[in-house]
Amino acid sequence: NKGRQVLRFNADNFSTQTEFALNVAADVKPRLQVQLAKDEQV
């Protein structure tokens, strides 16, 4: 509902010979990003 894309995958006995990769096109604008760590540091 907030416009975020969610990707999900599940498998049993999974293995691969290549890396997992995504190409994401994003409009990166200068904006303040805030993150709260588990030790409550901001």
PDB file of all heavy atoms in Angstrom:
ATOM      1  N   ASN A   1       0.813  -1.219   0.000  1.00  0.00           N
ATOM      2  CA  ASN A   1       0.000   0.000   0.000  1.00  0.00           C
ATOM      3  C   ASN A   1       0.846   1.268   0.000  1.00  0.00           C
ATOM      4  O   ASN A   1       0.394   2.328  -0.427  1.00  0.00           O
ATOM      5  CB  ASN A   1      -0.922   0.007   1.230  1.00  0.00           C
ATOM      6  CG  ASN A   1      -1.963  -1.094   1.178  1.00  0.00           C
ATOM      7  OD1 ASN A   1      -2.340  -1.532   0.090  1.00  0.00           O
ATOM      8  ND2 ASN A   1      -2.419  -1.552   2.336  1.00  0.00           N
ATOM      9  N   LYS A   2       2.093   1.144   0.465  1.00  0.00           N
ATOM     10  CA  LYS A   2       2.993   2.288   0.492  1.00  0.00           C
ATOM     11  C   LYS A   2       3.820   2.405  -0.785  1.00  0.00           C
ATOM     12  O   LYS A   2       4.725   3.252  -0.861  1.00  0.00           O
ATOM     13  CB  LYS A   2       3.916   2.194   1.709  1.00  0.00           C
ATOM     14  CG  LYS A   2       3.162   2.305   3.035  1.00  0.00           C
ATOM     15  CD  LYS A   2       4.127   2.276   4.210  1.00  0.00           C
ATOM     16  CE  LYS A   2       3.377   2.424   5.534  1.00  0.00           C
ATOM     17  NZ  LYS A   2       4.308   2.403   6.692  1.00  0.00           N
ATOM     18  N   GLY A   3       3.524   1.567  -1.769  1.00  0.00           N
ATOM     19  CA  GLY A   3       4.212   1.673  -3.045  1.00  0.00           C
ATOM     20  C   GLY A   3       5.523   0.911  -3.135  1.00  0.00           C
ATOM     21  O   GLY A   3       6.239   1.016  -4.142  1.00  0.00           O
ATOM     22  N   ARG A   4       5.873   0.141  -2.119  1.00  0.00           N
ATOM     23  CA  ARG A   4       7.113  -0.637  -2.159  1.00  0.00           C
ATOM     24  C   ARG A   4       6.903  -1.944  -2.927  1.00  0.00           C
ATOM     25  O   ARG A   4       5.845  -2.547  -2.855  1.00  0.00           O
ATOM     26  CB  ARG A   4       7.603  -0.938  -0.740  1.00  0.00           C
ATOM     27  CG  ARG A   4       7.945   0.299   0.079  1.00  0.00           C
ATOM     28  CD  ARG A   4       8.571  -0.119   1.409  1.00  0.00           C
ATOM     29  NE  ARG A   4       8.949   1.045   2.204  1.00  0.00           N
ATOM     30  CZ  ARG A   4       8.219   1.553   3.173  1.00  0.00           C
ATOM     31  NH1 ARG A   4       7.051   1.006   3.469  1.00  0.00           N
ATOM     32  NH2 ARG A   4       8.629   2.608   3.853  1.00  0.00           N
ATOM     33  N   GLN A   5       7.935  -2.369  -3.641  1.00  0.00           N
ATOM     34  CA  GLN A   5       7.906  -3.643  -4.338  1.00  0.00           C
ATOM     35  C   GLN A   5       8.433  -4.733  -3.404  1.00  0.00           C
ATOM     36  O   GLN A   5       9.472  -4.557  -2.761  1.00  0.00           O
ATOM     37  CB  GLN A   5       8.771  -3.592  -5.598  1.00  0.00           C
ATOM     38  CG  GLN A   5       8.323  -2.564  -6.627  1.00  0.00           C
ATOM     39  CD  GLN A   5       7.137  -3.050  -7.446  1.00  0.00           C
ATOM     40  OE1 GLN A   5       6.793  -4.227  -7.426  1.00  0.00           O
ATOM     41  NE2 GLN A   5       6.521  -2.139  -8.174  1.00  0.00           N
ATOM     42  N   VAL A   6       7.733  -5.855  -3.327  1.00  0.00           N
ATOM     43  CA  VAL A   6       8.154  -6.981  -2.499  1.00  0.00           C
ATOM     44  C   VAL A   6       8.377  -8.194  -3.394  1.00  0.00           C
ATOM     45  O   VAL A   6       7.511  -8.552  -4.202  1.00  0.00           O
ATOM     46  CB  VAL A   6       7.112  -7.307  -1.410  1.00  0.00           C
ATOM     47  CG1 VAL A   6       7.544  -8.531  -0.600  1.00  0.00           C
ATOM     48  CG2 VAL A   6       6.921  -6.108  -0.481  1.00  0.00           C
ATOM     49  N   LEU A   7       9.549  -8.829  -3.265  1.00  0.00           N
ATOM     50  CA  LEU A   7       9.914 -10.002  -4.047  1.00  0.00           C
ATOM     51  C   LEU A   7      10.109 -11.170  -3.098  1.00  0.00           C
ATOM     52  O   LEU A   7      10.846 -11.055  -2.107  1.00  0.00           O
ATOM     53  CB  LEU A   7      11.206  -9.756  -4.834  1.00  0.00           C
ATOM     54  CG  LEU A   7      11.370  -8.389  -5.512  1.00  0.00           C
ATOM     55  CD1 LEU A   7      12.732  -8.289  -6.167  1.00  0.00           C
ATOM     56  CD2 LEU A   7      10.268  -8.171  -6.531  1.00  0.00           C
ATOM     57  N   ARG A   8       9.483 -12.325  -3.412  1.00  0.00           N
ATOM     58  CA  ARG A   8       9.588 -13.480  -2.526  1.00  0.00           C
ATOM     59  C   ARG A   8       9.835 -14.755  -3.321  1.00  0.00           C
ATOM     60  O   ARG A   8       9.294 -14.941  -4.417  1.00  0.00           O
ATOM     61  CB  ARG A   8       8.319 -13.629  -1.679  1.00  0.00           C
ATOM     62  CG  ARG A   8       8.266 -12.597  -0.562  1.00  0.00           C
ATOM     63  CD  ARG A   8       7.095 -12.768   0.343  1.00  0.00           C
ATOM     64  NE  ARG A   8       7.180 -11.832   1.458  1.00  0.00           N
ATOM     65  CZ  ARG A   8       6.149 -11.469   2.208  1.00  0.00           C
ATOM     66  NH1 ARG A   8       4.956 -11.976   1.974  1.00  0.00           N
ATOM     67  NH2 ARG A   8       6.316 -10.621   3.199  1.00  0.00           N
ATOM     68  N   PHE A   9      10.663 -15.610  -2.712  1.00  0.00           N
ATOM     69  CA  PHE A   9      11.000 -16.889  -3.340  1.00  0.00           C
ATOM     70  C   PHE A   9      11.292 -17.902  -2.243  1.00  0.00           C
ATOM     71  O   PHE A   9      11.963 -17.596  -1.258  1.00  0.00           O
ATOM     72  CB  PHE A   9      12.229 -16.727  -4.244  1.00  0.00           C
ATOM     73  CG  PHE A   9      12.792 -18.030  -4.760  1.00  0.00           C
ATOM     74  CD1 PHE A   9      12.196 -18.681  -5.826  1.00  0.00           C
ATOM     75  CD2 PHE A   9      13.910 -18.595  -4.166  1.00  0.00           C
ATOM     76  CE1 PHE A   9      12.700 -19.878  -6.304  1.00  0.00           C
ATOM     77  CE2 PHE A   9      14.424 -19.792  -4.638  1.00  0.00           C
ATOM     78  CZ  PHE A   9      13.822 -20.438  -5.713  1.00  0.00           C
ATOM     79  N   ASN A  10      10.772 -19.125  -2.392  1.00  0.00           N
ATOM     80  CA  ASN A  10      11.015 -20.209  -1.450  1.00  0.00           C
ATOM     81  C   ASN A  10      11.307 -21.487  -2.223  1.00  0.00           C
ATOM     82  O   ASN A  10      10.688 -21.751  -3.269  1.00  0.00           O
ATOM     83  CB  ASN A  10       9.802 -20.440  -0.539  1.00  0.00           C
ATOM     84  CG  ASN A  10       9.526 -19.276   0.394  1.00  0.00           C
ATOM     85  OD1 ASN A  10      10.109 -19.185   1.459  1.00  0.00           O
ATOM     86  ND2 ASN A  10       8.634 -18.387  -0.018  1.00  0.00           N
ATOM     87  N   ALA A  11      12.250 -22.284  -1.709  1.00  0.00           N
ATOM     88  CA  ALA A  11      12.588 -23.542  -2.379  1.00  0.00           C
ATOM     89  C   ALA A  11      13.224 -24.504  -1.389  1.00  0.00           C
ATOM     90  O   ALA A  11      13.864 -24.083  -0.413  1.00  0.00           O
ATOM     91  CB  ALA A  11      13.528 -23.297  -3.552  1.00  0.00           C
ATOM     92  N   ASP A  12      13.063 -25.801  -1.642  1.00  0.00           N
ATOM     93  CA  ASP A  12      13.723 -26.845  -0.879  1.00  0.00           C
ATOM     94  C   ASP A  12      14.875 -27.407  -1.699  1.00  0.00           C
ATOM     95  O   ASP A  12      14.817 -27.439  -2.930  1.00  0.00           O
ATOM     96  CB  ASP A  12      12.744 -27.972  -0.524  1.00  0.00           C
ATOM     97  CG  ASP A  12      11.660 -27.500   0.443  1.00  0.00           C
ATOM     98  OD1 ASP A  12      11.937 -26.575   1.233  1.00  0.00           O
ATOM     99  OD2 ASP A  12      10.543 -28.053   0.392  1.00  0.00           O
ATOM    100  N   ASN A  13      15.922 -27.872  -1.012  1.00  0.00           N
ATOM    101  CA  ASN A  13      17.104 -28.442  -1.670  1.00  0.00           C
ATOM    102  C   ASN A  13      17.603 -27.508  -2.781  1.00  0.00           C
ATOM    103  O   ASN A  13      17.784 -27.918  -3.926  1.00  0.00           O
ATOM    104  CB  ASN A  13      16.784 -29.828  -2.234  1.00  0.00           C
ATOM    105  CG  ASN A  13      16.345 -30.795  -1.150  1.00  0.00           C
ATOM    106  OD1 ASN A  13      16.955 -30.848  -0.077  1.00  0.00           O
ATOM    107  ND2 ASN A  13      15.273 -31.539  -1.402  1.00  0.00           N
ATOM    108  N   PHE A  14      17.824 -26.262  -2.397  1.00  0.00           N
ATOM    109  CA  PHE A  14      18.183 -25.224  -3.358  1.00  0.00           C
ATOM    110  C   PHE A  14      19.695 -25.043  -3.445  1.00  0.00           C
ATOM    111  O   PHE A  14      20.387 -24.972  -2.431  1.00  0.00           O
ATOM    112  CB  PHE A  14      17.543 -23.893  -2.947  1.00  0.00           C
ATOM    113  CG  PHE A  14      17.953 -22.726  -3.803  1.00  0.00           C
ATOM    114  CD1 PHE A  14      17.370 -22.533  -5.050  1.00  0.00           C
ATOM    115  CD2 PHE A  14      18.921 -21.832  -3.366  1.00  0.00           C
ATOM    116  CE1 PHE A  14      17.738 -21.446  -5.836  1.00  0.00           C
ATOM    117  CE2 PHE A  14      19.296 -20.751  -4.148  1.00  0.00           C
ATOM    118  CZ  PHE A  14      18.700 -20.568  -5.390  1.00  0.00           C
ATOM    119  N   SER A  15      20.205 -24.984  -4.656  1.00  0.00           N
ATOM    120  CA  SER A  15      21.603 -24.638  -4.907  1.00  0.00           C
ATOM    121  C   SER A  15      21.680 -24.012  -6.293  1.00  0.00           C
ATOM    122  O   SER A  15      20.781 -24.205  -7.127  1.00  0.00           O
ATOM    123  CB  SER A  15      22.518 -25.859  -4.821  1.00  0.00           C
ATOM    124  OG  SER A  15      22.213 -26.796  -5.834  1.00  0.00           O
ATOM    125  N   THR A  16      22.734 -23.263  -6.542  1.00  0.00           N
ATOM    126  CA  THR A  16      22.885 -22.603  -7.828  1.00  0.00           C
ATOM    127  C   THR A  16      24.355 -22.434  -8.153  1.00  0.00           C
ATOM    128  O   THR A  16      25.208 -22.455  -7.250  1.00  0.00           O
ATOM    129  CB  THR A  16      22.187 -21.226  -7.828  1.00  0.00           C
ATOM    130  OG1 THR A  16      22.393 -20.593  -9.093  1.00  0.00           O
ATOM    131  CG2 THR A  16      22.740 -20.347  -6.726  1.00  0.00           C
ATOM    132  N   GLN A  17      24.660 -22.263  -9.414  1.00  0.00           N
ATOM    133  CA  GLN A  17      26.034 -22.052  -9.850  1.00  0.00           C
ATOM    134  C   GLN A  17      26.283 -20.613 -10.284  1.00  0.00           C
ATOM    135  O   GLN A  17      27.355 -20.289 -10.802  1.00  0.00           O
ATOM    136  CB  GLN A  17      26.375 -23.007 -11.005  1.00  0.00           C
ATOM    137  CG  GLN A  17      26.333 -24.473 -10.593  1.00  0.00           C
ATOM    138  CD  GLN A  17      26.747 -25.409 -11.701  1.00  0.00           C
ATOM    139  OE1 GLN A  17      27.059 -24.988 -12.812  1.00  0.00           O
ATOM    140  NE2 GLN A  17      26.762 -26.695 -11.406  1.00  0.00           N
ATOM    141  N   THR A  18      25.310 -19.746 -10.060  1.00  0.00           N
ATOM    142  CA  THR A  18      25.463 -18.330 -10.388  1.00  0.00           C
ATOM    143  C   THR A  18      24.950 -17.487  -9.232  1.00  0.00           C
ATOM    144  O   THR A  18      24.188 -17.958  -8.387  1.00  0.00           O
ATOM    145  CB  THR A  18      24.688 -17.944 -11.666  1.00  0.00           C
ATOM    146  OG1 THR A  18      23.290 -18.246 -11.482  1.00  0.00           O
ATOM    147  CG2 THR A  18      25.209 -18.694 -12.876  1.00  0.00           C
ATOM    148  N   GLU A  19      25.362 -16.235  -9.193  1.00  0.00           N
ATOM    149  CA  GLU A  19      24.918 -15.331  -8.140  1.00  0.00           C
ATOM    150  C   GLU A  19      23.493 -14.863  -8.407  1.00  0.00           C
ATOM    151  O   GLU A  19      22.988 -14.940  -9.536  1.00  0.00           O
ATOM    152  CB  GLU A  19      25.842 -14.120  -8.056  1.00  0.00           C
ATOM    153  CG  GLU A  19      25.787 -13.226  -9.289  1.00  0.00           C
ATOM    154  CD  GLU A  19      26.684 -12.010  -9.184  1.00  0.00           C
ATOM    155  OE1 GLU A  19      27.511 -11.939  -8.267  1.00  0.00           O
ATOM    156  OE2 GLU A  19      26.548 -11.111 -10.035  1.00  0.00           O
ATOM    157  N   PHE A  20      22.837 -14.380  -7.349  1.00  0.00           N
ATOM    158  CA  PHE A  20      21.531 -13.746  -7.505  1.00  0.00           C
ATOM    159  C   PHE A  20      21.748 -12.267  -7.756  1.00  0.00           C
ATOM    160  O   PHE A  20      22.555 -11.623  -7.094  1.00  0.00           O
ATOM    161  CB  PHE A  20      20.678 -13.936  -6.260  1.00  0.00           C
ATOM    162  CG  PHE A  20      19.397 -13.153  -6.284  1.00  0.00           C
ATOM    163  CD1 PHE A  20      18.353 -13.548  -7.093  1.00  0.00           C
ATOM    164  CD2 PHE A  20      19.249 -12.002  -5.533  1.00  0.00           C
ATOM    165  CE1 PHE A  20      17.174 -12.823  -7.136  1.00  0.00           C
ATOM    166  CE2 PHE A  20      18.089 -11.269  -5.564  1.00  0.00           C
ATOM    167  CZ  PHE A  20      17.033 -11.688  -6.375  1.00  0.00           C
ATOM    168  N   ALA A  21      21.031 -11.727  -8.746  1.00  0.00           N
ATOM    169  CA  ALA A  21      21.244 -10.319  -9.095  1.00  0.00           C
ATOM    170  C   ALA A  21      19.933  -9.653  -9.493  1.00  0.00           C
ATOM    171  O   ALA A  21      19.019 -10.296 -10.026  1.00  0.00           O
ATOM    172  CB  ALA A  21      22.249 -10.199 -10.233  1.00  0.00           C
ATOM    173  N   LEU A  22      19.871  -8.361  -9.201  1.00  0.00           N
ATOM    174  CA  LEU A  22      18.763  -7.498  -9.618  1.00  0.00           C
ATOM    175  C   LEU A  22      19.336  -6.209 -10.169  1.00  0.00           C
ATOM    176  O   LEU A  22      20.363  -5.717  -9.689  1.00  0.00           O
ATOM    177  CB  LEU A  22      17.860  -7.145  -8.437  1.00  0.00           C
ATOM    178  CG  LEU A  22      16.922  -8.182  -7.842  1.00  0.00           C
ATOM    179  CD1 LEU A  22      16.211  -7.577  -6.643  1.00  0.00           C
ATOM    180  CD2 LEU A  22      15.922  -8.670  -8.867  1.00  0.00           C
ATOM    181  N   ASN A  23      18.670  -5.650 -11.169  1.00  0.00           N
ATOM    182  CA  ASN A  23      18.978  -4.306 -11.648  1.00  0.00           C
ATOM    183  C   ASN A  23      17.807  -3.408 -11.274  1.00  0.00           C
ATOM    184  O   ASN A  23      16.676  -3.646 -11.710  1.00  0.00           O
ATOM    185  CB  ASN A  23      19.202  -4.297 -13.160  1.00  0.00           C
ATOM    186  CG  ASN A  23      20.473  -5.024 -13.558  1.00  0.00           C
ATOM    187  OD1 ASN A  23      21.408  -5.134 -12.776  1.00  0.00           O
ATOM    188  ND2 ASN A  23      20.515  -5.532 -14.771  1.00  0.00           N
ATOM    189  N   VAL A  24      18.092  -2.409 -10.464  1.00  0.00           N
ATOM    190  CA  VAL A  24      17.038  -1.537  -9.955  1.00  0.00           C
ATOM    191  C   VAL A  24      17.234  -0.125 -10.495  1.00  0.00           C
ATOM    192  O   VAL A  24      18.286   0.486 -10.275  1.00  0.00           O
ATOM    193  CB  VAL A  24      17.041  -1.511  -8.415  1.00  0.00           C
ATOM    194  CG1 VAL A  24      15.962  -0.582  -7.890  1.00  0.00           C
ATOM    195  CG2 VAL A  24      16.855  -2.923  -7.863  1.00  0.00           C
ATOM    196  N   ALA A  25      16.233   0.356 -11.197  1.00  0.00           N
ATOM    197  CA  ALA A  25      16.247   1.750 -11.646  1.00  0.00           C
ATOM    198  C   ALA A  25      15.532   2.580 -10.586  1.00  0.00           C
ATOM    199  O   ALA A  25      14.400   2.289 -10.211  1.00  0.00           O
ATOM    200  CB  ALA A  25      15.548   1.879 -12.995  1.00  0.00           C
ATOM    201  N   ALA A  26      16.219   3.585 -10.082  1.00  0.00           N
ATOM    202  CA  ALA A  26      15.654   4.390  -9.003  1.00  0.00           C
ATOM    203  C   ALA A  26      15.989   5.851  -9.220  1.00  0.00           C
ATOM    204  O   ALA A  26      17.065   6.194  -9.703  1.00  0.00           O
ATOM    205  CB  ALA A  26      16.185   3.919  -7.659  1.00  0.00           C
ATOM    206  N   ASP A  27      15.045   6.673  -8.864  1.00  0.00           N
ATOM    207  CA  ASP A  27      15.255   8.114  -8.932  1.00  0.00           C
ATOM    208  C   ASP A  27      15.801   8.561  -7.588  1.00  0.00           C
ATOM    209  O   ASP A  27      15.058   8.868  -6.651  1.00  0.00           O
ATOM    210  CB  ASP A  27      13.924   8.821  -9.243  1.00  0.00           C
ATOM    211  CG  ASP A  27      14.110  10.325  -9.422  1.00  0.00           C
ATOM    212  OD1 ASP A  27      15.273  10.749  -9.581  1.00  0.00           O
ATOM    213  OD2 ASP A  27      13.108  11.048  -9.414  1.00  0.00           O
ATOM    214  N   VAL A  28      17.126   8.547  -7.455  1.00  0.00           N
ATOM    215  CA  VAL A  28      17.768   8.865  -6.181  1.00  0.00           C
ATOM    216  C   VAL A  28      17.906  10.381  -6.049  1.00  0.00           C
ATOM    217  O   VAL A  28      18.693  11.006  -6.745  1.00  0.00           O
ATOM    218  CB  VAL A  28      19.153   8.193  -6.077  1.00  0.00           C
ATOM    219  CG1 VAL A  28      19.801   8.547  -4.745  1.00  0.00           C
ATOM    220  CG2 VAL A  28      19.019   6.686  -6.222  1.00  0.00           C
ATOM    221  N   LYS A  29      17.124  10.950  -5.167  1.00  0.00           N
ATOM    222  CA  LYS A  29      17.157  12.387  -4.929  1.00  0.00           C
ATOM    223  C   LYS A  29      17.815  12.664  -3.579  1.00  0.00           C
ATOM    224  O   LYS A  29      17.744  11.842  -2.658  1.00  0.00           O
ATOM    225  CB  LYS A  29      15.729  12.956  -4.926  1.00  0.00           C
ATOM    226  CG  LYS A  29      14.997  12.770  -6.252  1.00  0.00           C
ATOM    227  CD  LYS A  29      13.586  13.312  -6.156  1.00  0.00           C
ATOM    228  CE  LYS A  29      12.843  13.140  -7.482  1.00  0.00           C
ATOM    229  NZ  LYS A  29      11.450  13.632  -7.393  1.00  0.00           N
ATOM    230  N   PRO A  30      18.482  13.822  -3.459  1.00  0.00           N
ATOM    231  CA  PRO A  30      19.064  14.166  -2.147  1.00  0.00           C
ATOM    232  C   PRO A  30      17.968  14.252  -1.088  1.00  0.00           C
ATOM    233  O   PRO A  30      17.075  15.081  -1.166  1.00  0.00           O
ATOM    234  CB  PRO A  30      19.698  15.536  -2.393  1.00  0.00           C
ATOM    235  CG  PRO A  30      19.934  15.588  -3.866  1.00  0.00           C
ATOM    236  CD  PRO A  30      18.796  14.818  -4.479  1.00  0.00           C
ATOM    237  N   ARG A  31      18.004  13.330  -0.138  1.00  0.00           N
ATOM    238  CA  ARG A  31      17.025  13.340   0.932  1.00  0.00           C
ATOM    239  C   ARG A  31      17.648  12.710   2.167  1.00  0.00           C
ATOM    240  O   ARG A  31      18.528  11.860   2.084  1.00  0.00           O
ATOM    241  CB  ARG A  31      15.757  12.578   0.547  1.00  0.00           C
ATOM    242  CG  ARG A  31      15.986  11.135   0.158  1.00  0.00           C
ATOM    243  CD  ARG A  31      14.682  10.458  -0.158  1.00  0.00           C
ATOM    244  NE  ARG A  31      14.886   9.097  -0.616  1.00  0.00           N
ATOM    245  CZ  ARG A  31      13.905   8.244  -0.858  1.00  0.00           C
ATOM    246  NH1 ARG A  31      12.665   8.616  -0.684  1.00  0.00           N
ATOM    247  NH2 ARG A  31      14.171   7.014  -1.271  1.00  0.00           N
ATOM    248  N   LEU A  32      17.193  13.140   3.317  1.00  0.00           N
ATOM    249  CA  LEU A  32      17.731  12.644   4.570  1.00  0.00           C
ATOM    250  C   LEU A  32      17.183  11.247   4.840  1.00  0.00           C
ATOM    251  O   LEU A  32      15.980  11.009   4.786  1.00  0.00           O
ATOM    252  CB  LEU A  32      17.348  13.586   5.711  1.00  0.00           C
ATOM    253  CG  LEU A  32      17.861  13.205   7.101  1.00  0.00           C
ATOM    254  CD1 LEU A  32      19.388  13.262   7.142  1.00  0.00           C
ATOM    255  CD2 LEU A  32      17.258  14.120   8.144  1.00  0.00           C
ATOM    256  N   GLN A  33      18.108  10.310   5.115  1.00  0.00           N
ATOM    257  CA  GLN A  33      17.723   8.957   5.470  1.00  0.00           C
ATOM    258  C   GLN A  33      18.139   8.699   6.904  1.00  0.00           C
ATOM    259  O   GLN A  33      19.253   9.025   7.315  1.00  0.00           O
ATOM    260  CB  GLN A  33      18.393   7.943   4.536  1.00  0.00           C
ATOM    261  CG  GLN A  33      17.904   8.067   3.083  1.00  0.00           C
ATOM    262  CD  GLN A  33      18.675   7.160   2.152  1.00  0.00           C
ATOM    263  OE1 GLN A  33      19.886   7.115   2.186  1.00  0.00           O
ATOM    264  NE2 GLN A  33      17.966   6.442   1.309  1.00  0.00           N
ATOM    265  N   VAL A  34      17.231   8.112   7.674  1.00  0.00           N
ATOM    266  CA  VAL A  34      17.459   7.863   9.089  1.00  0.00           C
ATOM    267  C   VAL A  34      17.342   6.372   9.352  1.00  0.00           C
ATOM    268  O   VAL A  34      16.415   5.718   8.867  1.00  0.00           O
ATOM    269  CB  VAL A  34      16.433   8.631   9.970  1.00  0.00           C
ATOM    270  CG1 VAL A  34      16.723   8.379  11.447  1.00  0.00           C
ATOM    271  CG2 VAL A  34      16.472  10.113   9.656  1.00  0.00           C
ATOM    272  N   GLN A  35      18.293   5.842  10.124  1.00  0.00           N
ATOM    273  CA  GLN A  35      18.262   4.426  10.465  1.00  0.00           C
ATOM    274  C   GLN A  35      18.513   4.256  11.947  1.00  0.00           C
ATOM    275  O   GLN A  35      19.443   4.843  12.498  1.00  0.00           O
ATOM    276  CB  GLN A  35      19.307   3.639   9.678  1.00  0.00           C
ATOM    277  CG  GLN A  35      19.338   2.161  10.053  1.00  0.00           C
ATOM    278  CD  GLN A  35      20.345   1.390   9.252  1.00  0.00           C
ATOM    279  OE1 GLN A  35      20.721   1.800   8.161  1.00  0.00           O
ATOM    280  NE2 GLN A  35      20.808   0.281   9.781  1.00  0.00           N
ATOM    281  N   LEU A  36      17.681   3.437  12.585  1.00  0.00           N
ATOM    282  CA  LEU A  36      17.832   3.142  14.002  1.00  0.00           C
ATOM    283  C   LEU A  36      18.463   1.767  14.147  1.00  0.00           C
ATOM    284  O   LEU A  36      17.907   0.773  13.679  1.00  0.00           O
ATOM    285  CB  LEU A  36      16.475   3.179  14.713  1.00  0.00           C
ATOM    286  CG  LEU A  36      16.479   2.843  16.214  1.00  0.00           C
ATOM    287  CD1 LEU A  36      17.277   3.893  16.981  1.00  0.00           C
ATOM    288  CD2 LEU A  36      15.051   2.745  16.748  1.00  0.00           C
ATOM    289  N   ALA A  37      19.645   1.702  14.759  1.00  0.00           N
ATOM    290  CA  ALA A  37      20.338   0.434  14.953  1.00  0.00           C
ATOM    291  C   ALA A  37      19.749  -0.294  16.163  1.00  0.00           C
ATOM    292  O   ALA A  37      19.006   0.276  16.963  1.00  0.00           O
ATOM    293  CB  ALA A  37      21.839   0.671  15.141  1.00  0.00           C
ATOM    294  N   LYS A  38      20.117  -1.599  16.290  1.00  0.00           N
ATOM    295  CA  LYS A  38      19.569  -2.397  17.384  1.00  0.00           C
ATOM    296  C   LYS A  38      20.045  -1.903  18.746  1.00  0.00           C
ATOM    297  O   LYS A  38      19.396  -2.140  19.762  1.00  0.00           O
ATOM    298  CB  LYS A  38      19.947  -3.869  17.190  1.00  0.00           C
ATOM    299  CG  LYS A  38      19.183  -4.531  16.044  1.00  0.00           C
ATOM    300  CD  LYS A  38      19.441  -6.021  15.998  1.00  0.00           C
ATOM    301  CE  LYS A  38      18.602  -6.680  14.925  1.00  0.00           C
ATOM    302  NZ  LYS A  38      18.815  -8.154  14.879  1.00  0.00           N
ATOM    303  N   ASP A  39      21.204  -1.238  18.771  1.00  0.00           N
ATOM    304  CA  ASP A  39      21.697  -0.701  20.053  1.00  0.00           C
ATOM    305  C   ASP A  39      21.153   0.690  20.319  1.00  0.00           C
ATOM    306  O   ASP A  39      21.656   1.414  21.169  1.00  0.00           O
ATOM    307  CB  ASP A  39      23.223  -0.689  20.068  1.00  0.00           C
ATOM    308  CG  ASP A  39      23.805   0.137  18.911  1.00  0.00           C
ATOM    309  OD1 ASP A  39      23.022   0.731  18.155  1.00  0.00           O
ATOM    310  OD2 ASP A  39      25.037   0.182  18.783  1.00  0.00           O
ATOM    311  N   GLU A  40      20.109   1.088  19.551  1.00  0.00           N
ATOM    312  CA  GLU A  40      19.392   2.353  19.703  1.00  0.00           C
ATOM    313  C   GLU A  40      20.195   3.562  19.245  1.00  0.00           C
ATOM    314  O   GLU A  40      19.781   4.695  19.464  1.00  0.00           O
ATOM    315  CB  GLU A  40      18.922   2.544  21.158  1.00  0.00           C
ATOM    316  CG  GLU A  40      17.921   1.480  21.596  1.00  0.00           C
ATOM    317  CD  GLU A  40      17.338   1.763  22.964  1.00  0.00           C
ATOM    318  OE1 GLU A  40      17.793   2.727  23.609  1.00  0.00           O
ATOM    319  OE2 GLU A  40      16.425   1.035  23.379  1.00  0.00           O
ATOM    320  N   GLN A  41      21.338   3.342  18.597  1.00  0.00           N
ATOM    321  CA  GLN A  41      22.033   4.460  17.975  1.00  0.00           C
ATOM    322  C   GLN A  41      21.293   4.861  16.699  1.00  0.00           C
ATOM    323  O   GLN A  41      20.719   4.031  16.009  1.00  0.00           O
ATOM    324  CB  GLN A  41      23.475   4.074  17.629  1.00  0.00           C
ATOM    325  CG  GLN A  41      24.366   3.842  18.822  1.00  0.00           C
ATOM    326  CD  GLN A  41      25.811   3.692  18.428  1.00  0.00           C
ATOM    327  OE1 GLN A  41      26.452   4.654  17.990  1.00  0.00           O
ATOM    328  NE2 GLN A  41      26.334   2.496  18.557  1.00  0.00           N
ATOM    329  N   VAL A  42      21.322   6.152  16.391  1.00  0.00           N
ATOM    330  CA  VAL A  42      20.633   6.671  15.215  1.00  0.00           C
ATOM    331  C   VAL A  42      21.678   7.140  14.207  1.00  0.00           C
ATOM    332  O   VAL A  42      22.600   7.889  14.550  1.00  0.00           O
ATOM    333  CB  VAL A  42      19.690   7.835  15.582  1.00  0.00           C
ATOM    334  CG1 VAL A  42      18.996   8.363  14.331  1.00  0.00           C
ATOM    335  CG2 VAL A  42      18.660   7.371  16.612  1.00  0.00           C
TER     336      VAL A  42
END
